[in-house]
PDB file of N, CA and C in Angstrom:
ATOM      1  N   UNK A   1     119.458 181.558  85.705  1.00  0.00           N
ATOM      2  CA  UNK A   1     119.599 180.260  85.102  1.00  0.00           C
ATOM      3  C   UNK A   1     118.988 179.178  86.006  1.00  0.00           C
ATOM      4  N   UNK A   2     119.211 179.237  87.304  1.00  0.00           N
ATOM      5  CA  UNK A   2     118.657 178.231  88.206  1.00  0.00           C
ATOM      6  C   UNK A   2     117.138 178.320  88.255  1.00  0.00           C
ATOM      7  N   UNK A   3     116.553 179.485  88.155  1.00  0.00           N
ATOM      8  CA  UNK A   3     115.095 179.591  88.160  1.00  0.00           C
ATOM      9  C   UNK A   3     114.513 178.972  86.886  1.00  0.00           C
ATOM     10  N   UNK A   4     115.245 179.092  85.776  1.00  0.00           N
ATOM     11  CA  UNK A   4     114.808 178.474  84.529  1.00  0.00           C
ATOM     12  C   UNK A   4     114.793 176.943  84.687  1.00  0.00           C
ATOM     13  N   UNK A   5     115.844 176.364  85.258  1.00  0.00           N
ATOM     14  CA  UNK A   5     115.934 174.920  85.462  1.00  0.00           C
ATOM     15  C   UNK A   5     114.870 174.463  86.449  1.00  0.00           C
ATOM     16  N   UNK A   6     114.679 175.226  87.519  1.00  0.00           N
ATOM     17  CA  UNK A   6     113.683 174.878  88.519  1.00  0.00           C
ATOM     18  C   UNK A   6     112.285 174.859  87.899  1.00  0.00           C
ATOM     19  N   UNK A   7     111.972 175.835  87.052  1.00  0.00           N
ATOM     20  CA  UNK A   7     110.670 175.884  86.397  1.00  0.00           C
ATOM     21  C   UNK A   7     110.493 174.712  85.422  1.00  0.00           C
ATOM     22  N   UNK A   8     111.570 174.323  84.769  1.00  0.00           N
ATOM     23  CA  UNK A   8     111.499 173.235  83.798  1.00  0.00           C
ATOM     24  C   UNK A   8     111.213 171.890  84.485  1.00  0.00           C
ATOM     25  N   UNK A   9     111.709 171.699  85.697  1.00  0.00           N
ATOM     26  CA  UNK A   9     111.482 170.433  86.410  1.00  0.00           C
ATOM     27  C   UNK A   9     110.249 170.489  87.313  1.00  0.00           C
ATOM     28  N   UNK A  10     109.870 171.635  87.767  1.00  0.00           N
ATOM     29  CA  UNK A  10     108.744 171.767  88.674  1.00  0.00           C
ATOM     30  C   UNK A  10     107.420 171.554  87.949  1.00  0.00           C
ATOM     31  N   UNK A  11     107.283 172.095  86.773  1.00  0.00           N
ATOM     32  CA  UNK A  11     106.020 171.979  86.031  1.00  0.00           C
ATOM     33  C   UNK A  11     105.680 170.518  85.708  1.00  0.00           C
ATOM     34  N   UNK A  12     106.614 169.734  85.154  1.00  0.00           N
ATOM     35  CA  UNK A  12     106.250 168.328  84.886  1.00  0.00           C
ATOM     36  C   UNK A  12     105.994 167.528  86.168  1.00  0.00           C
ATOM     37  N   UNK A  13     106.733 167.816  87.223  1.00  0.00           N
ATOM     38  CA  UNK A  13     106.525 167.099  88.478  1.00  0.00           C
ATOM     39  C   UNK A  13     105.155 167.423  89.049  1.00  0.00           C
ATOM     40  N   UNK A  14     104.766 168.678  88.990  1.00  0.00           N
ATOM     41  CA  UNK A  14     103.459 169.098  89.474  1.00  0.00           C
ATOM     42  C   UNK A  14     102.349 168.468  88.629  1.00  0.00           C
ATOM     43  N   UNK A  15     102.541 168.416  87.330  1.00  0.00           N
ATOM     44  CA  UNK A  15     101.546 167.805  86.443  1.00  0.00           C
ATOM     45  C   UNK A  15     101.405 166.312  86.747  1.00  0.00           C
ATOM     46  N   UNK A  16     102.521 165.625  86.958  1.00  0.00           N
ATOM     47  CA  UNK A  16     102.474 164.200  87.279  1.00  0.00           C
ATOM     48  C   UNK A  16     101.767 163.968  88.614  1.00  0.00           C
ATOM     49  N   UNK A  17     102.014 164.820  89.587  1.00  0.00           N
ATOM     50  CA  UNK A  17     101.365 164.708  90.883  1.00  0.00           C
ATOM     51  C   UNK A  17      99.859 164.887  90.749  1.00  0.00           C
ATOM     52  N   UNK A  18      99.449 165.871  89.989  1.00  0.00           N
ATOM     53  CA  UNK A  18      98.019 166.125  89.791  1.00  0.00           C
ATOM     54  C   UNK A  18      97.350 164.967  89.041  1.00  0.00           C
ATOM     55  N   UNK A  19      98.029 164.420  88.052  1.00  0.00           N
ATOM     56  CA  UNK A  19      97.473 163.272  87.324  1.00  0.00           C
ATOM     57  C   UNK A  19      97.336 162.060  88.247  1.00  0.00           C
ATOM     58  N   UNK A  20      98.328 161.850  89.102  1.00  0.00           N
ATOM     59  CA  UNK A  20      98.266 160.750  90.048  1.00  0.00           C
ATOM     60  C   UNK A  20      97.116 160.918  91.024  1.00  0.00           C
ATOM     61  N   UNK A  21      96.919 162.124  91.518  1.00  0.00           N
ATOM     62  CA  UNK A  21      95.804 162.385  92.434  1.00  0.00           C
ATOM     63  C   UNK A  21      94.465 162.207  91.739  1.00  0.00           C
ATOM     64  N   UNK A  22      94.382 162.627  90.483  1.00  0.00           N
ATOM     65  CA  UNK A  22      93.136 162.469  89.734  1.00  0.00           C
ATOM     66  C   UNK A  22      92.826 160.992  89.520  1.00  0.00           C
ATOM     67  N   UNK A  23      93.837 160.204  89.214  1.00  0.00           N
ATOM     68  CA  UNK A  23      93.629 158.768  89.021  1.00  0.00           C
ATOM     69  C   UNK A  23      93.218 158.112  90.329  1.00  0.00           C
ATOM     70  N   UNK A  24      93.813 158.497  91.425  1.00  0.00           N
ATOM     71  CA  UNK A  24      93.474 157.928  92.729  1.00  0.00           C
ATOM     72  C   UNK A  24      92.048 158.306  93.119  1.00  0.00           C
ATOM     73  N   UNK A  25      91.625 159.507  92.778  1.00  0.00           N
ATOM     74  CA  UNK A  25      90.292 159.972  93.145  1.00  0.00           C
ATOM     75  C   UNK A  25      89.214 159.172  92.415  1.00  0.00           C
ATOM     76  N   UNK A  26      89.528 158.610  91.251  1.00  0.00           N
ATOM     77  CA  UNK A  26      88.543 157.823  90.524  1.00  0.00           C
ATOM     78  C   UNK A  26      88.272 156.486  91.193  1.00  0.00           C
ATOM     79  N   UNK A  27      89.245 155.918  91.892  1.00  0.00           N
ATOM     80  CA  UNK A  27      89.119 154.607  92.507  1.00  0.00           C
ATOM     81  C   UNK A  27      89.450 154.671  94.002  1.00  0.00           C
ATOM     82  N   UNK A  28      88.680 155.377  94.805  1.00  0.00           N
ATOM     83  CA  UNK A  28      89.033 155.522  96.220  1.00  0.00           C
ATOM     84  C   UNK A  28      88.717 154.291  97.066  1.00  0.00           C
ATOM     85  N   UNK A  29      87.767 153.458  96.638  1.00  0.00           N
ATOM     86  CA  UNK A  29      87.322 152.340  97.468  1.00  0.00           C
ATOM     87  C   UNK A  29      87.895 151.010  97.003  1.00  0.00           C
ATOM     88  N   UNK A  30      89.155 150.976  96.695  1.00  0.00           N
ATOM     89  CA  UNK A  30      89.793 149.727  96.282  1.00  0.00           C
ATOM     90  C   UNK A  30      89.943 148.819  97.495  1.00  0.00           C
ATOM     91  N   UNK A  31      89.583 147.531  97.357  1.00  0.00           N
ATOM     92  CA  UNK A  31      89.743 146.622  98.499  1.00  0.00           C
ATOM     93  C   UNK A  31      91.212 146.341  98.765  1.00  0.00           C
ATOM     94  N   UNK A  32      91.513 146.145 100.010  1.00  0.00           N
ATOM     95  CA  UNK A  32      92.875 145.817 100.399  1.00  0.00           C
ATOM     96  C   UNK A  32      93.130 144.354 100.037  1.00  0.00           C
ATOM     97  N   UNK A  33      94.161 144.070  99.226  1.00  0.00           N
ATOM     98  CA  UNK A  33      94.376 142.682  98.812  1.00  0.00           C
ATOM     99  C   UNK A  33      94.784 141.766  99.962  1.00  0.00           C
ATOM    100  N   UNK A  34      95.226 142.316 101.064  1.00  0.00           N
ATOM    101  CA  UNK A  34      95.630 141.497 102.210  1.00  0.00           C
ATOM    102  C   UNK A  34      94.450 141.072 103.070  1.00  0.00           C
ATOM    103  N   UNK A  35      93.331 141.764 102.918  1.00  0.00           N
ATOM    104  CA  UNK A  35      92.152 141.413 103.699  1.00  0.00           C
ATOM    105  C   UNK A  35      91.514 140.162 103.120  1.00  0.00           C
ATOM    106  N   UNK A  36      91.002 139.297 103.981  1.00  0.00           N
ATOM    107  CA  UNK A  36      90.336 138.091 103.530  1.00  0.00           C
ATOM    108  C   UNK A  36      88.952 138.476 102.993  1.00  0.00           C
ATOM    109  N   UNK A  37      88.627 138.066 101.764  1.00  0.00           N
ATOM    110  CA  UNK A  37      87.319 138.437 101.223  1.00  0.00           C
ATOM    111  C   UNK A  37      86.190 137.744 101.987  1.00  0.00           C
ATOM    112  N   UNK A  38      85.032 138.353 101.940  1.00  0.00           N
ATOM    113  CA  UNK A  38      83.878 137.804 102.634  1.00  0.00           C
ATOM    114  C   UNK A  38      83.469 136.499 101.958  1.00  0.00           C
ATOM    115  N   UNK A  39      83.254 135.464 102.755  1.00  0.00           N
ATOM    116  CA  UNK A  39      82.919 134.163 102.193  1.00  0.00           C
ATOM    117  C   UNK A  39      81.439 134.123 101.811  1.00  0.00           C
ATOM    118  N   UNK A  40      81.185 133.597 100.624  1.00  0.00           N
ATOM    119  CA  UNK A  40      79.814 133.533 100.123  1.00  0.00           C
ATOM    120  C   UNK A  40      79.131 132.268 100.612  1.00  0.00           C
ATOM    121  N   UNK A  41      77.859 132.388 100.830  1.00  0.00           N
ATOM    122  CA  UNK A  41      77.062 131.250 101.273  1.00  0.00           C
ATOM    123  C   UNK A  41      76.033 130.916 100.194  1.00  0.00           C
ATOM    124  N   UNK A  42      75.748 129.650 100.082  1.00  0.00           N
ATOM    125  CA  UNK A  42      74.728 129.181  99.147  1.00  0.00           C
ATOM    126  C   UNK A  42      73.361 129.339  99.799  1.00  0.00           C
ATOM    127  N   UNK A  43      72.284 129.234  99.024  1.00  0.00           N
ATOM    128  CA  UNK A  43      70.941 129.375  99.617  1.00  0.00           C
ATOM    129  C   UNK A  43      70.648 128.365 100.724  1.00  0.00           C
ATOM    130  N   UNK A  44      71.310 127.211 100.706  1.00  0.00           N
ATOM    131  CA  UNK A  44      71.070 126.229 101.764  1.00  0.00           C
ATOM    132  C   UNK A  44      71.913 126.502 103.010  1.00  0.00           C
ATOM    133  N   UNK A  45      72.728 127.542 103.013  1.00  0.00           N
ATOM    134  CA  UNK A  45      73.499 127.943 104.179  1.00  0.00           C
ATOM    135  C   UNK A  45      74.935 127.468 104.190  1.00  0.00           C
ATOM    136  N   UNK A  46      75.308 126.578 103.277  1.00  0.00           N
ATOM    137  CA  UNK A  46      76.677 126.080 103.243  1.00  0.00           C
ATOM    138  C   UNK A  46      77.599 127.107 102.586  1.00  0.00           C
ATOM    139  N   UNK A  47      78.877 127.026 102.947  1.00  0.00           N
ATOM    140  CA  UNK A  47      79.855 127.905 102.311  1.00  0.00           C
ATOM    141  C   UNK A  47      80.073 127.460 100.869  1.00  0.00           C
ATOM    142  N   UNK A  48      80.174 128.437  99.973  1.00  0.00           N
ATOM    143  CA  UNK A  48      80.369 128.134  98.566  1.00  0.00           C
ATOM    144  C   UNK A  48      81.704 127.427  98.338  1.00  0.00           C
ATOM    145  N   UNK A  49      82.739 127.866  99.051  1.00  0.00           N
ATOM    146  CA  UNK A  49      84.057 127.262  98.870  1.00  0.00           C
ATOM    147  C   UNK A  49      84.057 125.791  99.287  1.00  0.00           C
ATOM    148  N   UNK A  50      83.333 125.459 100.358  1.00  0.00           N
ATOM    149  CA  UNK A  50      83.257 124.064 100.788  1.00  0.00           C
ATOM    150  C   UNK A  50      82.497 123.211  99.784  1.00  0.00           C
ATOM    151  N   UNK A  51      81.452 123.775  99.195  1.00  0.00           N
ATOM    152  CA  UNK A  51      80.688 123.039  98.188  1.00  0.00           C
ATOM    153  C   UNK A  51      81.542 122.788  96.947  1.00  0.00           C
ATOM    154  N   UNK A  52      82.349 123.767  96.570  1.00  0.00           N
ATOM    155  CA  UNK A  52      83.238 123.605  95.414  1.00  0.00           C
ATOM    156  C   UNK A  52      84.283 122.541  95.699  1.00  0.00           C
ATOM    157  N   UNK A  53      84.861 122.572  96.899  1.00  0.00           N
ATOM    158  CA  UNK A  53      85.857 121.567  97.264  1.00  0.00           C
ATOM    159  C   UNK A  53      85.265 120.154  97.250  1.00  0.00           C
ATOM    160  N   UNK A  54      84.051 120.016  97.740  1.00  0.00           N
ATOM    161  CA  UNK A  54      83.409 118.704  97.751  1.00  0.00           C
ATOM    162  C   UNK A  54      83.147 118.219  96.330  1.00  0.00           C
ATOM    163  N   UNK A  55      82.681 119.112  95.462  1.00  0.00           N
ATOM    164  CA  UNK A  55      82.429 118.740  94.068  1.00  0.00           C
ATOM    165  C   UNK A  55      83.733 118.370  93.368  1.00  0.00           C
ATOM    166  N   UNK A  56      84.800 119.114  93.647  1.00  0.00           N
ATOM    167  CA  UNK A  56      86.106 118.789  93.066  1.00  0.00           C
ATOM    168  C   UNK A  56      86.598 117.427  93.543  1.00  0.00           C
ATOM    169  N   UNK A  57      86.394 117.126  94.813  1.00  0.00           N
ATOM    170  CA  UNK A  57      86.803 115.837  95.380  1.00  0.00           C
ATOM    171  C   UNK A  57      86.084 114.694  94.664  1.00  0.00           C
ATOM    172  N   UNK A  58      84.780 114.843  94.500  1.00  0.00           N
ATOM    173  CA  UNK A  58      84.007 113.804  93.833  1.00  0.00           C
ATOM    174  C   UNK A  58      84.418 113.657  92.364  1.00  0.00           C
ATOM    175  N   UNK A  59      84.694 114.772  91.704  1.00  0.00           N
ATOM    176  CA  UNK A  59      85.145 114.722  90.305  1.00  0.00           C
ATOM    177  C   UNK A  59      86.515 114.057  90.209  1.00  0.00           C
ATOM    178  N   UNK A  60      87.377 114.311  91.181  1.00  0.00           N
ATOM    179  CA  UNK A  60      88.699 113.677  91.183  1.00  0.00           C
ATOM    180  C   UNK A  60      88.589 112.161  91.361  1.00  0.00           C
ATOM    181  N   UNK A  61      87.704 111.724  92.242  1.00  0.00           N
ATOM    182  CA  UNK A  61      87.500 110.280  92.423  1.00  0.00           C
ATOM    183  C   UNK A  61      86.986 109.635  91.138  1.00  0.00           C
ATOM    184  N   UNK A  62      86.054 110.307  90.471  1.00  0.00           N
ATOM    185  CA  UNK A  62      85.509 109.793  89.213  1.00  0.00           C
ATOM    186  C   UNK A  62      86.613 109.723  88.151  1.00  0.00           C
ATOM    187  N   UNK A  63      87.441 110.768  88.068  1.00  0.00           N
ATOM    188  CA  UNK A  63      88.528 110.794  87.095  1.00  0.00           C
ATOM    189  C   UNK A  63      89.574 109.722  87.397  1.00  0.00           C
ATOM    190  N   UNK A  64      89.837 109.450  88.660  1.00  0.00           N
ATOM    191  CA  UNK A  64      90.787 108.390  89.018  1.00  0.00           C
ATOM    192  C   UNK A  64      90.295 107.023  88.556  1.00  0.00           C
ATOM    193  N   UNK A  65      89.005 106.790  88.687  1.00  0.00           N
ATOM    194  CA  UNK A  65      88.434 105.533  88.203  1.00  0.00           C
ATOM    195  C   UNK A  65      88.615 105.424  86.696  1.00  0.00           C
ATOM    196  N   UNK A  66      88.364 106.535  86.011  1.00  0.00           N
ATOM    197  CA  UNK A  66      88.548 106.562  84.561  1.00  0.00           C
ATOM    198  C   UNK A  66      90.008 106.326  84.189  1.00  0.00           C
ATOM    199  N   UNK A  67      90.918 106.923  84.941  1.00  0.00           N
ATOM    200  CA  UNK A  67      92.348 106.733  84.671  1.00  0.00           C
ATOM    201  C   UNK A  67      92.749 105.265  84.826  1.00  0.00           C
ATOM    202  N   UNK A  68      92.267 104.624  85.882  1.00  0.00           N
ATOM    203  CA  UNK A  68      92.595 103.212  86.104  1.00  0.00           C
ATOM    204  C   UNK A  68      92.111 102.348  84.943  1.00  0.00           C
ATOM    205  N   UNK A  69      90.891 102.607  84.489  1.00  0.00           N
ATOM    206  CA  UNK A  69      90.323 101.837  83.389  1.00  0.00           C
ATOM    207  C   UNK A  69      91.159 102.000  82.125  1.00  0.00           C
ATOM    208  N   UNK A  70      91.502 103.240  81.823  1.00  0.00           N
ATOM    209  CA  UNK A  70      92.285 103.513  80.603  1.00  0.00           C
ATOM    210  C   UNK A  70      93.698 102.933  80.717  1.00  0.00           C
ATOM    211  N   UNK A  71      94.301 103.049  81.894  1.00  0.00           N
ATOM    212  CA  UNK A  71      95.644 102.491  82.064  1.00  0.00           C
ATOM    213  C   UNK A  71      95.646 100.977  81.902  1.00  0.00           C
ATOM    214  N   UNK A  72      94.632 100.325  82.440  1.00  0.00           N
ATOM    215  CA  UNK A  72      94.530  98.870  82.277  1.00  0.00           C
ATOM    216  C   UNK A  72      94.354  98.497  80.812  1.00  0.00           C
ATOM    217  N   UNK A  73      93.562  99.287  80.081  1.00  0.00           N
ATOM    218  CA  UNK A  73      93.363  99.014  78.659  1.00  0.00           C
ATOM    219  C   UNK A  73      94.671  99.175  77.884  1.00  0.00           C
ATOM    220  N   UNK A  74      95.442 100.204  78.199  1.00  0.00           N
ATOM    221  CA  UNK A  74      96.722 100.418  77.524  1.00  0.00           C
ATOM    222  C   UNK A  74      97.686  99.292  77.873  1.00  0.00           C
ATOM    223  N   UNK A  75      97.683  98.854  79.130  1.00  0.00           N
ATOM    224  CA  UNK A  75      98.563  97.764  79.545  1.00  0.00           C
ATOM    225  C   UNK A  75      98.223  96.474  78.787  1.00  0.00           C
ATOM    226  N   UNK A  76      96.937  96.167  78.674  1.00  0.00           N
ATOM    227  CA  UNK A  76      96.522  94.973  77.939  1.00  0.00           C
ATOM    228  C   UNK A  76      96.934  95.070  76.469  1.00  0.00           C
ATOM    229  N   UNK A  77      96.789  96.254  75.891  1.00  0.00           N
ATOM    230  CA  UNK A  77      97.168  96.456  74.490  1.00  0.00           C
ATOM    231  C   UNK A  77      98.673  96.256  74.302  1.00  0.00           C
ATOM    232  N   UNK A  78      99.459  96.737  75.256  1.00  0.00           N
ATOM    233  CA  UNK A  78     100.906  96.547  75.182  1.00  0.00           C
ATOM    234  C   UNK A  78     101.284  95.072  75.288  1.00  0.00           C
ATOM    235  N   UNK A  79     100.593  94.356  76.144  1.00  0.00           N
ATOM    236  CA  UNK A  79     100.877  92.926  76.303  1.00  0.00           C
ATOM    237  C   UNK A  79     100.521  92.154  75.029  1.00  0.00           C
ATOM    238  N   UNK A  80      99.436  92.571  74.358  1.00  0.00           N
ATOM    239  CA  UNK A  80      99.034  91.904  73.123  1.00  0.00           C
ATOM    240  C   UNK A  80     100.076  92.094  72.028  1.00  0.00           C
ATOM    241  N   UNK A  81     100.547  93.308  71.886  1.00  0.00           N
ATOM    242  CA  UNK A  81     101.484  93.607  70.798  1.00  0.00           C
ATOM    243  C   UNK A  81     102.916  93.257  71.156  1.00  0.00           C
ATOM    244  N   UNK A  82     103.178  92.978  72.391  1.00  0.00           N
ATOM    245  CA  UNK A  82     104.516  92.643  72.892  1.00  0.00           C
ATOM    246  C   UNK A  82     105.546  93.714  72.543  1.00  0.00           C
ATOM    247  N   UNK A  83     105.112  94.963  72.579  1.00  0.00           N
ATOM    248  CA  UNK A  83     106.035  96.085  72.403  1.00  0.00           C
ATOM    249  C   UNK A  83     106.417  96.378  70.968  1.00  0.00           C
ATOM    250  N   UNK A  84     105.803  95.696  69.995  1.00  0.00           N
ATOM    251  CA  UNK A  84     106.168  95.932  68.601  1.00  0.00           C
ATOM    252  C   UNK A  84     105.595  97.260  68.100  1.00  0.00           C
ATOM    253  N   UNK A  85     104.276  97.383  68.148  1.00  0.00           N
ATOM    254  CA  UNK A  85     103.597  98.582  67.654  1.00  0.00           C
ATOM    255  C   UNK A  85     102.467  98.912  68.619  1.00  0.00           C
ATOM    256  N   UNK A  86     102.308 100.188  68.917  1.00  0.00           N
ATOM    257  CA  UNK A  86     101.227 100.618  69.798  1.00  0.00           C
ATOM    258  C   UNK A  86     100.041 101.025  68.933  1.00  0.00           C
ATOM    259  N   UNK A  87      98.881 100.502  69.230  1.00  0.00           N
ATOM    260  CA  UNK A  87      97.703 100.765  68.399  1.00  0.00           C
ATOM    261  C   UNK A  87      97.241 102.211  68.542  1.00  0.00           C
ATOM    262  N   UNK A  88      96.425 102.630  67.584  1.00  0.00           N
ATOM    263  CA  UNK A  88      95.878 103.985  67.596  1.00  0.00           C
ATOM    264  C   UNK A  88      94.961 104.182  68.802  1.00  0.00           C
ATOM    265  N   UNK A  89      94.202 103.146  69.167  1.00  0.00           N
ATOM    266  CA  UNK A  89      93.314 103.244  70.334  1.00  0.00           C
ATOM    267  C   UNK A  89      94.126 103.471  71.609  1.00  0.00           C
ATOM    268  N   UNK A  90      95.231 102.767  71.749  1.00  0.00           N
ATOM    269  CA  UNK A  90      96.068 102.939  72.943  1.00  0.00           C
ATOM    270  C   UNK A  90      96.680 104.333  72.975  1.00  0.00           C
ATOM    271  N   UNK A  91      97.061 104.837  71.820  1.00  0.00           N
ATOM    272  CA  UNK A  91      97.616 106.201  71.758  1.00  0.00           C
ATOM    273  C   UNK A  91      96.562 107.220  72.175  1.00  0.00           C
ATOM    274  N   UNK A  92      95.338 107.037  71.701  1.00  0.00           N
ATOM    275  CA  UNK A  92      94.253 107.958  72.088  1.00  0.00           C
ATOM    276  C   UNK A  92      93.957 107.843  73.580  1.00  0.00           C
ATOM    277  N   UNK A  93      94.015 106.624  74.102  1.00  0.00           N
ATOM    278  CA  UNK A  93      93.812 106.446  75.546  1.00  0.00           C
ATOM    279  C   UNK A  93      94.899 107.173  76.340  1.00  0.00           C
ATOM    280  N   UNK A  94      96.125 107.100  75.867  1.00  0.00           N
ATOM    281  CA  UNK A  94      97.225 107.809  76.551  1.00  0.00           C
ATOM    282  C   UNK A  94      97.024 109.320  76.517  1.00  0.00           C
ATOM    283  N   UNK A  95      96.525 109.832  75.395  1.00  0.00           N
ATOM    284  CA  UNK A  95      96.232 111.270  75.321  1.00  0.00           C
ATOM    285  C   UNK A  95      95.124 111.654  76.287  1.00  0.00           C
ATOM    286  N   UNK A  96      94.094 110.823  76.391  1.00  0.00           N
ATOM    287  CA  UNK A  96      93.014 111.095  77.345  1.00  0.00           C
ATOM    288  C   UNK A  96      93.514 111.026  78.781  1.00  0.00           C
ATOM    289  N   UNK A  97      94.447 110.136  79.049  1.00  0.00           N
ATOM    290  CA  UNK A  97      95.041 110.044  80.386  1.00  0.00           C
ATOM    291  C   UNK A  97      95.755 111.340  80.722  1.00  0.00           C
ATOM    292  N   UNK A  98      96.499 111.872  79.770  1.00  0.00           N
ATOM    293  CA  UNK A  98      97.197 113.148  79.994  1.00  0.00           C
ATOM    294  C   UNK A  98      96.215 114.277  80.255  1.00  0.00           C
ATOM    295  N   UNK A  99      95.160 114.367  79.449  1.00  0.00           N
ATOM    296  CA  UNK A  99      94.170 115.436  79.632  1.00  0.00           C
ATOM    297  C   UNK A  99      93.499 115.345  81.000  1.00  0.00           C
ATOM    298  N   UNK A 100      93.149 114.115  81.376  1.00  0.00           N
ATOM    299  CA  UNK A 100      92.488 113.919  82.669  1.00  0.00           C
ATOM    300  C   UNK A 100      93.424 114.284  83.815  1.00  0.00           C
ATOM    301  N   UNK A 101      94.686 113.905  83.698  1.00  0.00           N
ATOM    302  CA  UNK A 101      95.655 114.227  84.751  1.00  0.00           C
ATOM    303  C   UNK A 101      95.842 115.737  84.874  1.00  0.00           C
ATOM    304  N   UNK A 102      95.900 116.441  83.747  1.00  0.00           N
ATOM    305  CA  UNK A 102      96.028 117.908  83.801  1.00  0.00           C
ATOM    306  C   UNK A 102      94.797 118.534  84.455  1.00  0.00           C
ATOM    307  N   UNK A 103      93.628 118.032  84.080  1.00  0.00           N
ATOM    308  CA  UNK A 103      92.388 118.569  84.647  1.00  0.00           C
ATOM    309  C   UNK A 103      92.351 118.344  86.152  1.00  0.00           C
ATOM    310  N   UNK A 104      92.763 117.153  86.591  1.00  0.00           N
ATOM    311  CA  UNK A 104      92.789 116.859  88.023  1.00  0.00           C
ATOM    312  C   UNK A 104      93.790 117.749  88.745  1.00  0.00           C
ATOM    313  N   UNK A 105      94.977 117.939  88.163  1.00  0.00           N
ATOM    314  CA  UNK A 105      95.983 118.784  88.791  1.00  0.00           C
ATOM    315  C   UNK A 105      95.473 120.212  88.913  1.00  0.00           C
ATOM    316  N   UNK A 106      94.751 120.695  87.894  1.00  0.00           N
ATOM    317  CA  UNK A 106      94.184 122.033  87.965  1.00  0.00           C
ATOM    318  C   UNK A 106      93.183 122.172  89.097  1.00  0.00           C
ATOM    319  N   UNK A 107      92.349 121.156  89.267  1.00  0.00           N
ATOM    320  CA  UNK A 107      91.381 121.202  90.368  1.00  0.00           C
ATOM    321  C   UNK A 107      92.068 121.134  91.723  1.00  0.00           C
ATOM    322  N   UNK A 108      93.108 120.332  91.820  1.00  0.00           N
ATOM    323  CA  UNK A 108      93.783 120.163  93.117  1.00  0.00           C
ATOM    324  C   UNK A 108      94.605 121.372  93.513  1.00  0.00           C
ATOM    325  N   UNK A 109      95.098 122.127  92.558  1.00  0.00           N
ATOM    326  CA  UNK A 109      95.937 123.288  92.876  1.00  0.00           C
ATOM    327  C   UNK A 109      95.151 124.590  92.864  1.00  0.00           C
ATOM    328  N   UNK A 110      93.847 124.521  92.702  1.00  0.00           N
ATOM    329  CA  UNK A 110      93.035 125.737  92.628  1.00  0.00           C
ATOM    330  C   UNK A 110      93.057 126.517  93.932  1.00  0.00           C
ATOM    331  N   UNK A 111      93.031 125.844  95.065  1.00  0.00           N
ATOM    332  CA  UNK A 111      92.965 126.535  96.357  1.00  0.00           C
ATOM    333  C   UNK A 111      94.227 126.350  97.135  1.00  0.00           C
TER     334      UNK A 111
END
């Protein structure tokens, strides 16, 4: 009886082990996720990551200017209406402010 039970558990365990080894053999050169990846350089010699950070910085400054302009426009619209009704243009400006803020947050949290 014990040999019957042993055979019943040994065969599936052996099959699972062989399947695991076969799967591992297909992908032997997996990079170690803890290792720092090799940094890429642009044709001009600068690091790609630094160029991306600089472009993101400049885009953030441009978006901040846009945010200030839109916020001032919404503020003026609120002062005109004295809080009675918010115009459709001001509502669209507020939506654009939200989109721009999300885009900026995405760029800032990328690295």
